[in-house]
Amino acid sequence: CAVVCSEMISAKGIFYNAEKTITLLRSEENERPLSVQIF
């Protein structure tokens, strides 16, 4: 695949630093380029 995308991530979850939401932002170099989707 040329470009992979994260699960949909709550913007407010990031704002409140919710642990589950931050886990969704974990990444590794071997998956790049990575698109991160927020809602």
ModelCIF file with pLDDT and N, C-alpha, C, O atoms, coordinates in Angstrom:
data_MODEL
#
_entry.id   MODEL 
#
_entity.id                         1 
_entity.type                       polymer 
_entity.pdbx_number_of_molecules   1 
#
_entity_poly.entity_id                      1 
_entity_poly.type                           'polypeptide(L)' 
_entity_poly.nstd_linkage                   no 
_entity_poly.nstd_monomer                   no 
_entity_poly.pdbx_seq_one_letter_code       CAVVCSEMISAKGIFYNAEKTITLLRSEENERPLSVQIF 
_entity_poly.pdbx_seq_one_letter_code_can   CAVVCSEMISAKGIFYNAEKTITLLRSEENERPLSVQIF 
_entity_poly.pdbx_strand_id                 A 
#
loop_
_entity_poly_seq.entity_id 
_entity_poly_seq.num 
_entity_poly_seq.mon_id 
_entity_poly_seq.hetero 
1 1  CYS n 
1 2  ALA n 
1 3  VAL n 
1 4  VAL n 
1 5  CYS n 
1 6  SER n 
1 7  GLU n 
1 8  MET n 
1 9  ILE n 
1 10 SER n 
1 11 ALA n 
1 12 LYS n 
1 13 GLY n 
1 14 ILE n 
1 15 PHE n 
1 16 TYR n 
1 17 ASN n 
1 18 ALA n 
1 19 GLU n 
1 20 LYS n 
1 21 THR n 
1 22 ILE n 
1 23 THR n 
1 24 LEU n 
1 25 LEU n 
1 26 ARG n 
1 27 SER n 
1 28 GLU n 
1 29 GLU n 
1 30 ASN n 
1 31 GLU n 
1 32 ARG n 
1 33 PRO n 
1 34 LEU n 
1 35 SER n 
1 36 VAL n 
1 37 GLN n 
1 38 ILE n 
1 39 PHE n 
#
_struct_asym.id          A 
_struct_asym.entity_id   1 
#
loop_
_ma_qa_metric.id 
_ma_qa_metric.mode 
_ma_qa_metric.name 
_ma_qa_metric.software_group_id 
_ma_qa_metric.type 
1 global pLDDT . pLDDT 
2 local  pLDDT . pLDDT 
#
_ma_qa_metric_global.metric_id      1 
_ma_qa_metric_global.metric_value   90.33 
_ma_qa_metric_global.model_id       1 
_ma_qa_metric_global.ordinal_id     1 
#
loop_
_ma_qa_metric_local.label_asym_id 
_ma_qa_metric_local.label_comp_id 
_ma_qa_metric_local.label_seq_id 
_ma_qa_metric_local.metric_id 
_ma_qa_metric_local.metric_value 
_ma_qa_metric_local.model_id 
_ma_qa_metric_local.ordinal_id 
A CYS 1  2 97.00 1 1  
A ALA 2  2 97.00 1 2  
A VAL 3  2 98.00 1 3  
A VAL 4  2 98.00 1 4  
A CYS 5  2 97.00 1 5  
A SER 6  2 96.00 1 6  
A GLU 7  2 94.00 1 7  
A MET 8  2 93.00 1 8  
A ILE 9  2 93.00 1 9  
A SER 10 2 93.00 1 10 
A ALA 11 2 93.00 1 11 
A LYS 12 2 89.00 1 12 
A GLY 13 2 88.00 1 13 
A ILE 14 2 87.00 1 14 
A PHE 15 2 78.00 1 15 
A TYR 16 2 79.00 1 16 
A ASN 17 2 70.00 1 17 
A ALA 18 2 70.00 1 18 
A GLU 19 2 77.00 1 19 
A LYS 20 2 78.00 1 20 
A THR 21 2 79.00 1 21 
A ILE 22 2 78.00 1 22 
A THR 23 2 83.00 1 23 
A LEU 24 2 86.00 1 24 
A LEU 25 2 90.00 1 25 
A ARG 26 2 91.00 1 26 
A SER 27 2 94.00 1 27 
A GLU 28 2 94.00 1 28 
A GLU 29 2 95.00 1 29 
A ASN 30 2 95.00 1 30 
A GLU 31 2 96.00 1 31 
A ARG 32 2 96.00 1 32 
A PRO 33 2 97.00 1 33 
A LEU 34 2 98.00 1 34 
A SER 35 2 98.00 1 35 
A VAL 36 2 98.00 1 36 
A GLN 37 2 97.00 1 37 
A ILE 38 2 97.00 1 38 
A PHE 39 2 96.00 1 39 
#
loop_
_atom_site.group_PDB 
_atom_site.id 
_atom_site.type_symbol 
_atom_site.label_atom_id 
_atom_site.label_alt_id 
_atom_site.label_comp_id 
_atom_site.label_asym_id 
_atom_site.label_entity_id 
_atom_site.label_seq_id 
_atom_site.pdbx_PDB_ins_code 
_atom_site.Cartn_x 
_atom_site.Cartn_y 
_atom_site.Cartn_z 
_atom_site.occupancy 
_atom_site.B_iso_or_equiv 
_atom_site.pdbx_formal_charge 
_atom_site.auth_seq_id 
_atom_site.auth_comp_id 
_atom_site.auth_asym_id 
_atom_site.auth_atom_id 
_atom_site.pdbx_PDB_model_num 
ATOM 1   N N  . CYS A 1 1  ? 0.830   -1.200 0.000  1.00 97.00 ? 1  CYS A N  1 
ATOM 2   C CA . CYS A 1 1  ? 0.000   0.000  0.000  1.00 97.00 ? 1  CYS A CA 1 
ATOM 3   C C  . CYS A 1 1  ? 0.868   1.254  0.000  1.00 97.00 ? 1  CYS A C  1 
ATOM 4   O O  . CYS A 1 1  ? 1.875   1.312  0.706  1.00 97.00 ? 1  CYS A O  1 
ATOM 5   N N  . ALA A 1 2  ? 0.485   2.255  -0.785 1.00 97.00 ? 2  ALA A N  1 
ATOM 6   C CA . ALA A 1 2  ? 1.275   3.486  -0.865 1.00 97.00 ? 2  ALA A CA 1 
ATOM 7   C C  . ALA A 1 2  ? 1.124   4.336  0.392  1.00 97.00 ? 2  ALA A C  1 
ATOM 8   O O  . ALA A 1 2  ? 2.116   4.817  0.940  1.00 97.00 ? 2  ALA A O  1 
ATOM 9   N N  . VAL A 1 3  ? -0.118  4.524  0.854  1.00 98.00 ? 3  VAL A N  1 
ATOM 10  C CA . VAL A 1 3  ? -0.377  5.360  2.031  1.00 98.00 ? 3  VAL A CA 1 
ATOM 11  C C  . VAL A 1 3  ? -1.381  4.660  2.937  1.00 98.00 ? 3  VAL A C  1 
ATOM 12  O O  . VAL A 1 3  ? -2.446  4.244  2.482  1.00 98.00 ? 3  VAL A O  1 
ATOM 13  N N  . VAL A 1 4  ? -1.044  4.530  4.217  1.00 98.00 ? 4  VAL A N  1 
ATOM 14  C CA . VAL A 1 4  ? -1.970  3.946  5.189  1.00 98.00 ? 4  VAL A CA 1 
ATOM 15  C C  . VAL A 1 4  ? -2.535  5.062  6.063  1.00 98.00 ? 4  VAL A C  1 
ATOM 16  O O  . VAL A 1 4  ? -1.926  6.121  6.211  1.00 98.00 ? 4  VAL A O  1 
ATOM 17  N N  . CYS A 1 5  ? -3.714  4.805  6.639  1.00 97.00 ? 5  CYS A N  1 
ATOM 18  C CA . CYS A 1 5  ? -4.394  5.815  7.447  1.00 97.00 ? 5  CYS A CA 1 
ATOM 19  C C  . CYS A 1 5  ? -4.772  5.238  8.799  1.00 97.00 ? 5  CYS A C  1 
ATOM 20  O O  . CYS A 1 5  ? -5.154  4.073  8.903  1.00 97.00 ? 5  CYS A O  1 
ATOM 21  N N  . SER A 1 6  ? -4.665  6.054  9.824  1.00 96.00 ? 6  SER A N  1 
ATOM 22  C CA . SER A 1 6  ? -5.030  5.646  11.178 1.00 96.00 ? 6  SER A CA 1 
ATOM 23  C C  . SER A 1 6  ? -6.538  5.449  11.293 1.00 96.00 ? 6  SER A C  1 
ATOM 24  O O  . SER A 1 6  ? -7.303  5.800  10.395 1.00 96.00 ? 6  SER A O  1 
ATOM 25  N N  . GLU A 1 7  ? -6.938  4.880  12.420 1.00 94.00 ? 7  GLU A N  1 
ATOM 26  C CA . GLU A 1 7  ? -8.343  4.913  12.778 1.00 94.00 ? 7  GLU A CA 1 
ATOM 27  C C  . GLU A 1 7  ? -8.760  6.367  12.993 1.00 94.00 ? 7  GLU A C  1 
ATOM 28  O O  . GLU A 1 7  ? -7.923  7.244  13.210 1.00 94.00 ? 7  GLU A O  1 
ATOM 29  N N  . MET A 1 8  ? -10.059 6.602  12.929 1.00 93.00 ? 8  MET A N  1 
ATOM 30  C CA . MET A 1 8  ? -10.594 7.936  13.184 1.00 93.00 ? 8  MET A CA 1 
ATOM 31  C C  . MET A 1 8  ? -10.372 8.285  14.662 1.00 93.00 ? 8  MET A C  1 
ATOM 32  O O  . MET A 1 8  ? -10.763 7.526  15.548 1.00 93.00 ? 8  MET A O  1 
ATOM 33  N N  . ILE A 1 9  ? -9.747  9.430  14.918 1.00 93.00 ? 9  ILE A N  1 
ATOM 34  C CA . ILE A 1 9  ? -9.349  9.802  16.270 1.00 93.00 ? 9  ILE A CA 1 
ATOM 35  C C  . ILE A 1 9  ? -10.076 11.074 16.697 1.00 93.00 ? 9  ILE A C  1 
ATOM 36  O O  . ILE A 1 9  ? -10.117 12.054 15.953 1.00 93.00 ? 9  ILE A O  1 
ATOM 37  N N  . SER A 1 10 ? -10.644 11.054 17.886 1.00 93.00 ? 10 SER A N  1 
ATOM 38  C CA . SER A 1 10 ? -11.370 12.209 18.404 1.00 93.00 ? 10 SER A CA 1 
ATOM 39  C C  . SER A 1 10 ? -10.423 13.359 18.713 1.00 93.00 ? 10 SER A C  1 
ATOM 40  O O  . SER A 1 10 ? -9.443  13.183 19.438 1.00 93.00 ? 10 SER A O  1 
ATOM 41  N N  . ALA A 1 11 ? -10.713 14.533 18.166 1.00 93.00 ? 11 ALA A N  1 
ATOM 42  C CA . ALA A 1 11 ? -9.897  15.715 18.455 1.00 93.00 ? 11 ALA A CA 1 
ATOM 43  C C  . ALA A 1 11 ? -9.973  16.073 19.932 1.00 93.00 ? 11 ALA A C  1 
ATOM 44  O O  . ALA A 1 11 ? -8.965  16.453 20.529 1.00 93.00 ? 11 ALA A O  1 
ATOM 45  N N  . LYS A 1 12 ? -11.145 15.958 20.524 1.00 89.00 ? 12 LYS A N  1 
ATOM 46  C CA . LYS A 1 12 ? -11.280 16.272 21.948 1.00 89.00 ? 12 LYS A CA 1 
ATOM 47  C C  . LYS A 1 12 ? -10.549 15.247 22.804 1.00 89.00 ? 12 LYS A C  1 
ATOM 48  O O  . LYS A 1 12 ? -10.040 15.581 23.873 1.00 89.00 ? 12 LYS A O  1 
ATOM 49  N N  . GLY A 1 13 ? -10.495 13.998 22.338 1.00 88.00 ? 13 GLY A N  1 
ATOM 50  C CA . GLY A 1 13 ? -9.729  12.983 23.053 1.00 88.00 ? 13 GLY A CA 1 
ATOM 51  C C  . GLY A 1 13 ? -8.258  13.343 23.125 1.00 88.00 ? 13 GLY A C  1 
ATOM 52  O O  . GLY A 1 13 ? -7.602  13.128 24.144 1.00 88.00 ? 13 GLY A O  1 
ATOM 53  N N  . ILE A 1 14 ? -7.741  13.898 22.023 1.00 87.00 ? 14 ILE A N  1 
ATOM 54  C CA . ILE A 1 14 ? -6.345  14.364 22.019 1.00 87.00 ? 14 ILE A CA 1 
ATOM 55  C C  . ILE A 1 14 ? -6.196  15.563 22.961 1.00 87.00 ? 14 ILE A C  1 
ATOM 56  O O  . ILE A 1 14 ? -5.226  15.662 23.712 1.00 87.00 ? 14 ILE A O  1 
ATOM 57  N N  . PHE A 1 15 ? -7.178  16.470 22.907 1.00 78.00 ? 15 PHE A N  1 
ATOM 58  C CA . PHE A 1 15 ? -7.126  17.676 23.733 1.00 78.00 ? 15 PHE A CA 1 
ATOM 59  C C  . PHE A 1 15 ? -7.107  17.332 25.226 1.00 78.00 ? 15 PHE A C  1 
ATOM 60  O O  . PHE A 1 15 ? -6.403  17.970 26.010 1.00 78.00 ? 15 PHE A O  1 
ATOM 61  N N  . TYR A 1 16 ? -7.895  16.310 25.609 1.00 79.00 ? 16 TYR A N  1 
ATOM 62  C CA . TYR A 1 16 ? -7.942  15.900 27.008 1.00 79.00 ? 16 TYR A CA 1 
ATOM 63  C C  . TYR A 1 16 ? -6.911  14.823 27.335 1.00 79.00 ? 16 TYR A C  1 
ATOM 64  O O  . TYR A 1 16 ? -6.878  14.300 28.449 1.00 79.00 ? 16 TYR A O  1 
ATOM 65  N N  . ASN A 1 17 ? -6.059  14.492 26.337 1.00 70.00 ? 17 ASN A N  1 
ATOM 66  C CA . ASN A 1 17 ? -4.969  13.545 26.537 1.00 70.00 ? 17 ASN A CA 1 
ATOM 67  C C  . ASN A 1 17 ? -5.464  12.175 26.993 1.00 70.00 ? 17 ASN A C  1 
ATOM 68  O O  . ASN A 1 17 ? -4.803  11.496 27.779 1.00 70.00 ? 17 ASN A O  1 
ATOM 69  N N  . ALA A 1 18 ? -6.637  11.775 26.492 1.00 70.00 ? 18 ALA A N  1 
ATOM 70  C CA . ALA A 1 18 ? -7.189  10.474 26.853 1.00 70.00 ? 18 ALA A CA 1 
ATOM 71  C C  . ALA A 1 18 ? -6.214  9.374  26.451 1.00 70.00 ? 18 ALA A C  1 
ATOM 72  O O  . ALA A 1 18 ? -5.719  9.354  25.324 1.00 70.00 ? 18 ALA A O  1 
ATOM 73  N N  . GLU A 1 19 ? -5.940  8.456  27.381 1.00 77.00 ? 19 GLU A N  1 
ATOM 74  C CA . GLU A 1 19 ? -4.917  7.437  27.160 1.00 77.00 ? 19 GLU A CA 1 
ATOM 75  C C  . GLU A 1 19 ? -5.212  6.584  25.929 1.00 77.00 ? 19 GLU A C  1 
ATOM 76  O O  . GLU A 1 19 ? -4.315  6.301  25.134 1.00 77.00 ? 19 GLU A O  1 
ATOM 77  N N  . LYS A 1 20 ? -6.471  6.175  25.775 1.00 78.00 ? 20 LYS A N  1 
ATOM 78  C CA . LYS A 1 20 ? -6.842  5.345  24.628 1.00 78.00 ? 20 LYS A CA 1 
ATOM 79  C C  . LYS A 1 20 ? -6.614  6.097  23.322 1.00 78.00 ? 20 LYS A C  1 
ATOM 80  O O  . LYS A 1 20 ? -6.136  5.526  22.342 1.00 78.00 ? 20 LYS A O  1 
ATOM 81  N N  . THR A 1 21 ? -6.960  7.388  23.317 1.00 79.00 ? 21 THR A N  1 
ATOM 82  C CA . THR A 1 21 ? -6.792  8.190  22.108 1.00 79.00 ? 21 THR A CA 1 
ATOM 83  C C  . THR A 1 21 ? -5.325  8.352  21.757 1.00 79.00 ? 21 THR A C  1 
ATOM 84  O O  . THR A 1 21 ? -4.948  8.243  20.591 1.00 79.00 ? 21 THR A O  1 
ATOM 85  N N  . ILE A 1 22 ? -4.494  8.613  22.760 1.00 78.00 ? 22 ILE A N  1 
ATOM 86  C CA . ILE A 1 22 ? -3.063  8.783  22.514 1.00 78.00 ? 22 ILE A CA 1 
ATOM 87  C C  . ILE A 1 22 ? -2.449  7.483  21.988 1.00 78.00 ? 22 ILE A C  1 
ATOM 88  O O  . ILE A 1 22 ? -1.547  7.511  21.150 1.00 78.00 ? 22 ILE A O  1 
ATOM 89  N N  . THR A 1 23 ? -2.945  6.340  22.485 1.00 83.00 ? 23 THR A N  1 
ATOM 90  C CA . THR A 1 23 ? -2.460  5.046  21.992 1.00 83.00 ? 23 THR A CA 1 
ATOM 91  C C  . THR A 1 23 ? -2.708  4.912  20.494 1.00 83.00 ? 23 THR A C  1 
ATOM 92  O O  . THR A 1 23 ? -1.893  4.339  19.771 1.00 83.00 ? 23 THR A O  1 
ATOM 93  N N  . LEU A 1 24 ? -3.843  5.447  20.031 1.00 86.00 ? 24 LEU A N  1 
ATOM 94  C CA . LEU A 1 24 ? -4.169  5.367  18.606 1.00 86.00 ? 24 LEU A CA 1 
ATOM 95  C C  . LEU A 1 24 ? -3.173  6.128  17.742 1.00 86.00 ? 24 LEU A C  1 
ATOM 96  O O  . LEU A 1 24 ? -3.080  5.888  16.538 1.00 86.00 ? 24 LEU A O  1 
ATOM 97  N N  . LEU A 1 25 ? -2.427  7.049  18.354 1.00 90.00 ? 25 LEU A N  1 
ATOM 98  C CA . LEU A 1 25 ? -1.460  7.848  17.607 1.00 90.00 ? 25 LEU A CA 1 
ATOM 99  C C  . LEU A 1 25 ? -0.091  7.196  17.518 1.00 90.00 ? 25 LEU A C  1 
ATOM 100 O O  . LEU A 1 25 ? 0.811   7.745  16.886 1.00 90.00 ? 25 LEU A O  1 
ATOM 101 N N  . ARG A 1 26 ? 0.082   6.039  18.137 1.00 91.00 ? 26 ARG A N  1 
ATOM 102 C CA . ARG A 1 26 ? 1.367   5.349  18.042 1.00 91.00 ? 26 ARG A CA 1 
ATOM 103 C C  . ARG A 1 26 ? 1.673   4.992  16.598 1.00 91.00 ? 26 ARG A C  1 
ATOM 104 O O  . ARG A 1 26 ? 0.778   4.610  15.844 1.00 91.00 ? 26 ARG A O  1 
ATOM 105 N N  . SER A 1 27 ? 2.921   5.115  16.219 1.00 94.00 ? 27 SER A N  1 
ATOM 106 C CA . SER A 1 27 ? 3.330   4.858  14.837 1.00 94.00 ? 27 SER A CA 1 
ATOM 107 C C  . SER A 1 27 ? 4.733   4.280  14.814 1.00 94.00 ? 27 SER A C  1 
ATOM 108 O O  . SER A 1 27 ? 5.473   4.368  15.793 1.00 94.00 ? 27 SER A O  1 
ATOM 109 N N  . GLU A 1 28 ? 5.086   3.689  13.683 1.00 94.00 ? 28 GLU A N  1 
ATOM 110 C CA . GLU A 1 28 ? 6.442   3.176  13.456 1.00 94.00 ? 28 GLU A CA 1 
ATOM 111 C C  . GLU A 1 28 ? 6.909   3.648  12.081 1.00 94.00 ? 28 GLU A C  1 
ATOM 112 O O  . GLU A 1 28 ? 6.100   3.897  11.188 1.00 94.00 ? 28 GLU A O  1 
ATOM 113 N N  . GLU A 1 29 ? 8.184   3.762  11.931 1.00 95.00 ? 29 GLU A N  1 
ATOM 114 C CA . GLU A 1 29 ? 8.759   4.287  10.699 1.00 95.00 ? 29 GLU A CA 1 
ATOM 115 C C  . GLU A 1 29 ? 8.384   3.448  9.479  1.00 95.00 ? 29 GLU A C  1 
ATOM 116 O O  . GLU A 1 29 ? 8.236   3.973  8.376  1.00 95.00 ? 29 GLU A O  1 
ATOM 117 N N  . ASN A 1 30 ? 8.229   2.120  9.692  1.00 95.00 ? 30 ASN A N  1 
ATOM 118 C CA . ASN A 1 30 ? 8.004   1.239  8.542  1.00 95.00 ? 30 ASN A CA 1 
ATOM 119 C C  . ASN A 1 30 ? 6.600   1.335  7.949  1.00 95.00 ? 30 ASN A C  1 
ATOM 120 O O  . ASN A 1 30 ? 6.313   0.668  6.955  1.00 95.00 ? 30 ASN A O  1 
ATOM 121 N N  . GLU A 1 31 ? 5.726   2.142  8.532  1.00 96.00 ? 31 GLU A N  1 
ATOM 122 C CA . GLU A 1 31 ? 4.391   2.303  7.943  1.00 96.00 ? 31 GLU A CA 1 
ATOM 123 C C  . GLU A 1 31 ? 4.243   3.618  7.175  1.00 96.00 ? 31 GLU A C  1 
ATOM 124 O O  . GLU A 1 31 ? 3.192   3.871  6.586  1.00 96.00 ? 31 GLU A O  1 
ATOM 125 N N  . ARG A 1 32 ? 5.257   4.436  7.177  1.00 96.00 ? 32 ARG A N  1 
ATOM 126 C CA . ARG A 1 32 ? 5.123   5.748  6.562  1.00 96.00 ? 32 ARG A CA 1 
ATOM 127 C C  . ARG A 1 32 ? 5.207   5.678  5.030  1.00 96.00 ? 32 ARG A C  1 
ATOM 128 O O  . ARG A 1 32 ? 5.873   4.801  4.480  1.00 96.00 ? 32 ARG A O  1 
ATOM 129 N N  . PRO A 1 33 ? 4.521   6.613  4.347  1.00 97.00 ? 33 PRO A N  1 
ATOM 130 C CA . PRO A 1 33 ? 3.816   7.764  4.885  1.00 97.00 ? 33 PRO A CA 1 
ATOM 131 C C  . PRO A 1 33 ? 2.484   7.387  5.558  1.00 97.00 ? 33 PRO A C  1 
ATOM 132 O O  . PRO A 1 33 ? 1.733   6.544  5.069  1.00 97.00 ? 33 PRO A O  1 
ATOM 133 N N  . LEU A 1 34 ? 2.227   8.041  6.690  1.00 98.00 ? 34 LEU A N  1 
ATOM 134 C CA . LEU A 1 34 ? 1.036   7.778  7.491  1.00 98.00 ? 34 LEU A CA 1 
ATOM 135 C C  . LEU A 1 34 ? 0.120   8.998  7.471  1.00 98.00 ? 34 LEU A C  1 
ATOM 136 O O  . LEU A 1 34 ? 0.560   10.129 7.680  1.00 98.00 ? 34 LEU A O  1 
ATOM 137 N N  . SER A 1 35 ? -1.160  8.745  7.215  1.00 98.00 ? 35 SER A N  1 
ATOM 138 C CA . SER A 1 35 ? -2.181  9.768  7.336  1.00 98.00 ? 35 SER A CA 1 
ATOM 139 C C  . SER A 1 35 ? -2.917  9.545  8.657  1.00 98.00 ? 35 SER A C  1 
ATOM 140 O O  . SER A 1 35 ? -3.373  8.436  8.934  1.00 98.00 ? 35 SER A O  1 
ATOM 141 N N  . VAL A 1 36 ? -3.034  10.586 9.464  1.00 98.00 ? 36 VAL A N  1 
ATOM 142 C CA . VAL A 1 36 ? -3.762  10.506 10.729 1.00 98.00 ? 36 VAL A CA 1 
ATOM 143 C C  . VAL A 1 36 ? -5.079  11.257 10.572 1.00 98.00 ? 36 VAL A C  1 
ATOM 144 O O  . VAL A 1 36 ? -5.101  12.445 10.251 1.00 98.00 ? 36 VAL A O  1 
ATOM 145 N N  . GLN A 1 37 ? -6.180  10.537 10.805 1.00 97.00 ? 37 GLN A N  1 
ATOM 146 C CA . GLN A 1 37 ? -7.497  11.139 10.620 1.00 97.00 ? 37 GLN A CA 1 
ATOM 147 C C  . GLN A 1 37 ? -8.103  11.552 11.956 1.00 97.00 ? 37 GLN A C  1 
ATOM 148 O O  . GLN A 1 37 ? -8.134  10.766 12.903 1.00 97.00 ? 37 GLN A O  1 
ATOM 149 N N  . ILE A 1 38 ? -8.583  12.789 12.024 1.00 97.00 ? 38 ILE A N  1 
ATOM 150 C CA . ILE A 1 38 ? -9.249  13.288 13.216 1.00 97.00 ? 38 ILE A CA 1 
ATOM 151 C C  . ILE A 1 38 ? -10.701 13.629 12.891 1.00 97.00 ? 38 ILE A C  1 
ATOM 152 O O  . ILE A 1 38 ? -11.066 13.847 11.736 1.00 97.00 ? 38 ILE A O  1 
ATOM 153 N N  . PHE A 1 39 ? -11.527 13.669 13.956 1.00 96.00 ? 39 PHE A N  1 
ATOM 154 C CA . PHE A 1 39 ? -12.909 14.095 13.762 1.00 96.00 ? 39 PHE A CA 1 
ATOM 155 C C  . PHE A 1 39 ? -13.331 14.956 14.947 1.00 96.00 ? 39 PHE A C  1 
ATOM 156 O O  . PHE A 1 39 ? -14.467 15.428 14.994 1.00 96.00 ? 39 PHE A O  1 
#
